[in-house]
Amino acid sequence: MEYSSLRLDVNTLNILKEIKTRMEREYVRPLSFDFVLKKIIEKEERKIIILN
């Protein structure tokens, strides 16, 4: 996935940083933003499938 064209406002970026920090504690290792975004997207896709 390519996120280079993704433009985020400051609030969204801060939320993503917080999610990344929490996930790093859970996985006990440094994570890339790509990994974090993929996990968020996978979780949202599962919700959509369940709701439909």
PDB file of N, CA and C in Angstrom:
ATOM      1  N   MET A   1       0.839  -1.196   0.000  1.00  0.00           N
ATOM      2  CA  MET A   1       0.000   0.000   0.000  1.00  0.00           C
ATOM      3  C   MET A   1       0.870   1.240   0.000  1.00  0.00           C
ATOM      4  N   GLU A   2       0.408   2.250  -0.676  1.00  0.00           N
ATOM      5  CA  GLU A   2       1.188   3.486  -0.774  1.00  0.00           C
ATOM      6  C   GLU A   2       0.458   4.613  -0.049  1.00  0.00           C
ATOM      7  N   TYR A   3       1.121   5.186   0.947  1.00  0.00           N
ATOM      8  CA  TYR A   3       0.503   6.244   1.744  1.00  0.00           C
ATOM      9  C   TYR A   3       1.168   7.594   1.529  1.00  0.00           C
ATOM     10  N   SER A   4       2.118   7.662   0.620  1.00  0.00           N
ATOM     11  CA  SER A   4       2.888   8.893   0.468  1.00  0.00           C
ATOM     12  C   SER A   4       2.012  10.086   0.084  1.00  0.00           C
ATOM     13  N   SER A   5       0.908   9.833  -0.607  1.00  0.00           N
ATOM     14  CA  SER A   5       0.039  10.943  -1.003  1.00  0.00           C
ATOM     15  C   SER A   5      -0.999  11.277   0.062  1.00  0.00           C
ATOM     16  N   LEU A   6      -1.021  10.495   1.128  1.00  0.00           N
ATOM     17  CA  LEU A   6      -1.991  10.714   2.193  1.00  0.00           C
ATOM     18  C   LEU A   6      -1.626  11.967   2.989  1.00  0.00           C
ATOM     19  N   ARG A   7      -2.547  12.907   3.048  1.00  0.00           N
ATOM     20  CA  ARG A   7      -2.324  14.133   3.821  1.00  0.00           C
ATOM     21  C   ARG A   7      -3.189  14.077   5.074  1.00  0.00           C
ATOM     22  N   LEU A   8      -2.555  14.233   6.216  1.00  0.00           N
ATOM     23  CA  LEU A   8      -3.265  14.123   7.487  1.00  0.00           C
ATOM     24  C   LEU A   8      -3.220  15.444   8.231  1.00  0.00           C
ATOM     25  N   ASP A   9      -4.325  15.767   8.882  1.00  0.00           N
ATOM     26  CA  ASP A   9      -4.288  16.948   9.735  1.00  0.00           C
ATOM     27  C   ASP A   9      -3.580  16.586  11.043  1.00  0.00           C
ATOM     28  N   VAL A  10      -3.293  17.584  11.830  1.00  0.00           N
ATOM     29  CA  VAL A  10      -2.506  17.377  13.057  1.00  0.00           C
ATOM     30  C   VAL A  10      -3.228  16.444  14.026  1.00  0.00           C
ATOM     31  N   ASN A  11      -4.538  16.593  14.177  1.00  0.00           N
ATOM     32  CA  ASN A  11      -5.286  15.732  15.102  1.00  0.00           C
ATOM     33  C   ASN A  11      -5.224  14.269  14.681  1.00  0.00           C
ATOM     34  N   THR A  12      -5.414  14.016  13.400  1.00  0.00           N
ATOM     35  CA  THR A  12      -5.356  12.645  12.895  1.00  0.00           C
ATOM     36  C   THR A  12      -3.963  12.060  13.088  1.00  0.00           C
ATOM     37  N   LEU A  13      -2.961  12.853  12.807  1.00  0.00           N
ATOM     38  CA  LEU A  13      -1.591  12.384  12.975  1.00  0.00           C
ATOM     39  C   LEU A  13      -1.300  12.051  14.440  1.00  0.00           C
ATOM     40  N   ASN A  14      -1.770  12.892  15.359  1.00  0.00           N
ATOM     41  CA  ASN A  14      -1.574  12.627  16.786  1.00  0.00           C
ATOM     42  C   ASN A  14      -2.285  11.353  17.226  1.00  0.00           C
ATOM     43  N   ILE A  15      -3.482  11.127  16.695  1.00  0.00           N
ATOM     44  CA  ILE A  15      -4.210   9.898  17.019  1.00  0.00           C
ATOM     45  C   ILE A  15      -3.433   8.685  16.513  1.00  0.00           C
ATOM     46  N   LEU A  16      -2.933   8.762  15.286  1.00  0.00           N
ATOM     47  CA  LEU A  16      -2.148   7.650  14.730  1.00  0.00           C
ATOM     48  C   LEU A  16      -0.882   7.401  15.542  1.00  0.00           C
ATOM     49  N   LYS A  17      -0.237   8.469  15.985  1.00  0.00           N
ATOM     50  CA  LYS A  17       0.964   8.309  16.818  1.00  0.00           C
ATOM     51  C   LYS A  17       0.620   7.605  18.128  1.00  0.00           C
ATOM     52  N   GLU A  18      -0.511   7.957  18.725  1.00  0.00           N
ATOM     53  CA  GLU A  18      -0.948   7.316  19.973  1.00  0.00           C
ATOM     54  C   GLU A  18      -1.250   5.835  19.743  1.00  0.00           C
ATOM     55  N   ILE A  19      -1.952   5.534  18.650  1.00  0.00           N
ATOM     56  CA  ILE A  19      -2.240   4.131  18.316  1.00  0.00           C
ATOM     57  C   ILE A  19      -0.941   3.369  18.112  1.00  0.00           C
ATOM     58  N   LYS A  20       0.003   3.979  17.395  1.00  0.00           N
ATOM     59  CA  LYS A  20       1.298   3.346  17.136  1.00  0.00           C
ATOM     60  C   LYS A  20       2.029   3.053  18.448  1.00  0.00           C
ATOM     61  N   THR A  21       2.026   4.001  19.363  1.00  0.00           N
ATOM     62  CA  THR A  21       2.671   3.821  20.663  1.00  0.00           C
ATOM     63  C   THR A  21       2.040   2.670  21.432  1.00  0.00           C
ATOM     64  N   ARG A  22       0.709   2.614  21.444  1.00  0.00           N
ATOM     65  CA  ARG A  22       0.013   1.528  22.157  1.00  0.00           C
ATOM     66  C   ARG A  22       0.291   0.176  21.515  1.00  0.00           C
ATOM     67  N   MET A  23       0.306   0.143  20.185  1.00  0.00           N
ATOM     68  CA  MET A  23       0.591  -1.123  19.502  1.00  0.00           C
ATOM     69  C   MET A  23       2.029  -1.566  19.752  1.00  0.00           C
ATOM     70  N   GLU A  24       2.958  -0.626  19.826  1.00  0.00           N
ATOM     71  CA  GLU A  24       4.356  -0.980  20.106  1.00  0.00           C
ATOM     72  C   GLU A  24       4.483  -1.596  21.491  1.00  0.00           C
ATOM     73  N   ARG A  25       3.704  -1.113  22.444  1.00  0.00           N
ATOM     74  CA  ARG A  25       3.711  -1.729  23.777  1.00  0.00           C
ATOM     75  C   ARG A  25       3.159  -3.139  23.708  1.00  0.00           C
ATOM     76  N   GLU A  26       2.092  -3.329  22.913  1.00  0.00           N
ATOM     77  CA  GLU A  26       1.470  -4.646  22.778  1.00  0.00           C
ATOM     78  C   GLU A  26       2.403  -5.632  22.071  1.00  0.00           C
ATOM     79  N   TYR A  27       3.038  -5.187  20.989  1.00  0.00           N
ATOM     80  CA  TYR A  27       3.934  -6.053  20.218  1.00  0.00           C
ATOM     81  C   TYR A  27       5.352  -6.076  20.795  1.00  0.00           C
ATOM     82  N   VAL A  28       5.657  -5.194  21.710  1.00  0.00           N
ATOM     83  CA  VAL A  28       6.953  -5.085  22.375  1.00  0.00           C
ATOM     84  C   VAL A  28       8.095  -4.940  21.360  1.00  0.00           C
ATOM     85  N   ARG A  29       7.870  -4.104  20.373  1.00  0.00           N
ATOM     86  CA  ARG A  29       8.923  -3.793  19.401  1.00  0.00           C
ATOM     87  C   ARG A  29       8.518  -2.558  18.609  1.00  0.00           C
ATOM     88  N   PRO A  30       9.485  -1.888  18.015  1.00  0.00           N
ATOM     89  CA  PRO A  30       9.157  -0.729  17.170  1.00  0.00           C
ATOM     90  C   PRO A  30       8.361  -1.171  15.940  1.00  0.00           C
ATOM     91  N   LEU A  31       7.398  -0.379  15.545  1.00  0.00           N
ATOM     92  CA  LEU A  31       6.567  -0.691  14.392  1.00  0.00           C
ATOM     93  C   LEU A  31       6.604   0.455  13.391  1.00  0.00           C
ATOM     94  N   SER A  32       6.406   0.117  12.140  1.00  0.00           N
ATOM     95  CA  SER A  32       6.326   1.160  11.110  1.00  0.00           C
ATOM     96  C   SER A  32       4.888   1.668  11.020  1.00  0.00           C
ATOM     97  N   PHE A  33       4.743   2.884  10.514  1.00  0.00           N
ATOM     98  CA  PHE A  33       3.402   3.417  10.312  1.00  0.00           C
ATOM     99  C   PHE A  33       2.643   2.577   9.295  1.00  0.00           C
ATOM    100  N   ASP A  34       3.337   2.018   8.293  1.00  0.00           N
ATOM    101  CA  ASP A  34       2.688   1.144   7.322  1.00  0.00           C
ATOM    102  C   ASP A  34       2.025  -0.046   8.016  1.00  0.00           C
ATOM    103  N   PHE A  35       2.745  -0.665   8.916  1.00  0.00           N
ATOM    104  CA  PHE A  35       2.220  -1.816   9.655  1.00  0.00           C
ATOM    105  C   PHE A  35       0.995  -1.405  10.463  1.00  0.00           C
ATOM    106  N   VAL A  36       1.097  -0.285  11.172  1.00  0.00           N
ATOM    107  CA  VAL A  36      -0.001   0.209  12.009  1.00  0.00           C
ATOM    108  C   VAL A  36      -1.232   0.495  11.143  1.00  0.00           C
ATOM    109  N   LEU A  37      -1.045   1.183  10.026  1.00  0.00           N
ATOM    110  CA  LEU A  37      -2.169   1.508   9.150  1.00  0.00           C
ATOM    111  C   LEU A  37      -2.797   0.246   8.563  1.00  0.00           C
ATOM    112  N   LYS A  38      -1.983  -0.726   8.195  1.00  0.00           N
ATOM    113  CA  LYS A  38      -2.524  -1.979   7.659  1.00  0.00           C
ATOM    114  C   LYS A  38      -3.388  -2.678   8.693  1.00  0.00           C
ATOM    115  N   LYS A  39      -2.931  -2.695   9.943  1.00  0.00           N
ATOM    116  CA  LYS A  39      -3.703  -3.340  11.012  1.00  0.00           C
ATOM    117  C   LYS A  39      -5.027  -2.619  11.252  1.00  0.00           C
ATOM    118  N   ILE A  40      -4.998  -1.291  11.225  1.00  0.00           N
ATOM    119  CA  ILE A  40      -6.230  -0.510  11.402  1.00  0.00           C
ATOM    120  C   ILE A  40      -7.204  -0.815  10.267  1.00  0.00           C
ATOM    121  N   ILE A  41      -6.689  -0.836   9.042  1.00  0.00           N
ATOM    122  CA  ILE A  41      -7.532  -1.107   7.871  1.00  0.00           C
ATOM    123  C   ILE A  41      -8.118  -2.520   7.946  1.00  0.00           C
ATOM    124  N   GLU A  42      -7.309  -3.500   8.332  1.00  0.00           N
ATOM    125  CA  GLU A  42      -7.800  -4.877   8.459  1.00  0.00           C
ATOM    126  C   GLU A  42      -8.926  -4.953   9.482  1.00  0.00           C
ATOM    127  N   LYS A  43      -8.745  -4.261  10.599  1.00  0.00           N
ATOM    128  CA  LYS A  43      -9.758  -4.266  11.655  1.00  0.00           C
ATOM    129  C   LYS A  43     -11.054  -3.630  11.154  1.00  0.00           C
ATOM    130  N   GLU A  44     -10.947  -2.538  10.433  1.00  0.00           N
ATOM    131  CA  GLU A  44     -12.127  -1.865   9.897  1.00  0.00           C
ATOM    132  C   GLU A  44     -12.813  -2.723   8.842  1.00  0.00           C
ATOM    133  N   GLU A  45     -12.036  -3.405   8.014  1.00  0.00           N
ATOM    134  CA  GLU A  45     -12.622  -4.287   7.003  1.00  0.00           C
ATOM    135  C   GLU A  45     -13.397  -5.421   7.653  1.00  0.00           C
ATOM    136  N   ARG A  46     -12.884  -5.962   8.754  1.00  0.00           N
ATOM    137  CA  ARG A  46     -13.598  -7.019   9.474  1.00  0.00           C
ATOM    138  C   ARG A  46     -14.917  -6.484  10.024  1.00  0.00           C
ATOM    139  N   LYS A  47     -14.905  -5.257  10.552  1.00  0.00           N
ATOM    140  CA  LYS A  47     -16.146  -4.655  11.067  1.00  0.00           C
ATOM    141  C   LYS A  47     -17.175  -4.516   9.964  1.00  0.00           C
ATOM    142  N   ILE A  48     -16.737  -4.067   8.796  1.00  0.00           N
ATOM    143  CA  ILE A  48     -17.655  -3.875   7.664  1.00  0.00           C
ATOM    144  C   ILE A  48     -18.249  -5.220   7.257  1.00  0.00           C
ATOM    145  N   ILE A  49     -17.441  -6.256   7.205  1.00  0.00           N
ATOM    146  CA  ILE A  49     -17.909  -7.589   6.826  1.00  0.00           C
ATOM    147  C   ILE A  49     -18.930  -8.080   7.851  1.00  0.00           C
ATOM    148  N   ILE A  50     -18.652  -7.887   9.127  1.00  0.00           N
ATOM    149  CA  ILE A  50     -19.563  -8.323  10.197  1.00  0.00           C
ATOM    150  C   ILE A  50     -20.885  -7.562  10.118  1.00  0.00           C
ATOM    151  N   LEU A  51     -20.818  -6.260   9.872  1.00  0.00           N
ATOM    152  CA  LEU A  51     -22.030  -5.453   9.794  1.00  0.00           C
ATOM    153  C   LEU A  51     -22.885  -5.792   8.586  1.00  0.00           C
ATOM    154  N   ASN A  52     -22.242  -6.196   7.515  1.00  0.00           N
ATOM    155  CA  ASN A  52     -23.000  -6.562   6.314  1.00  0.00           C
ATOM    156  C   ASN A  52     -23.417  -7.995   6.426  1.00  0.00           C
TER     157      ASN A  52
END
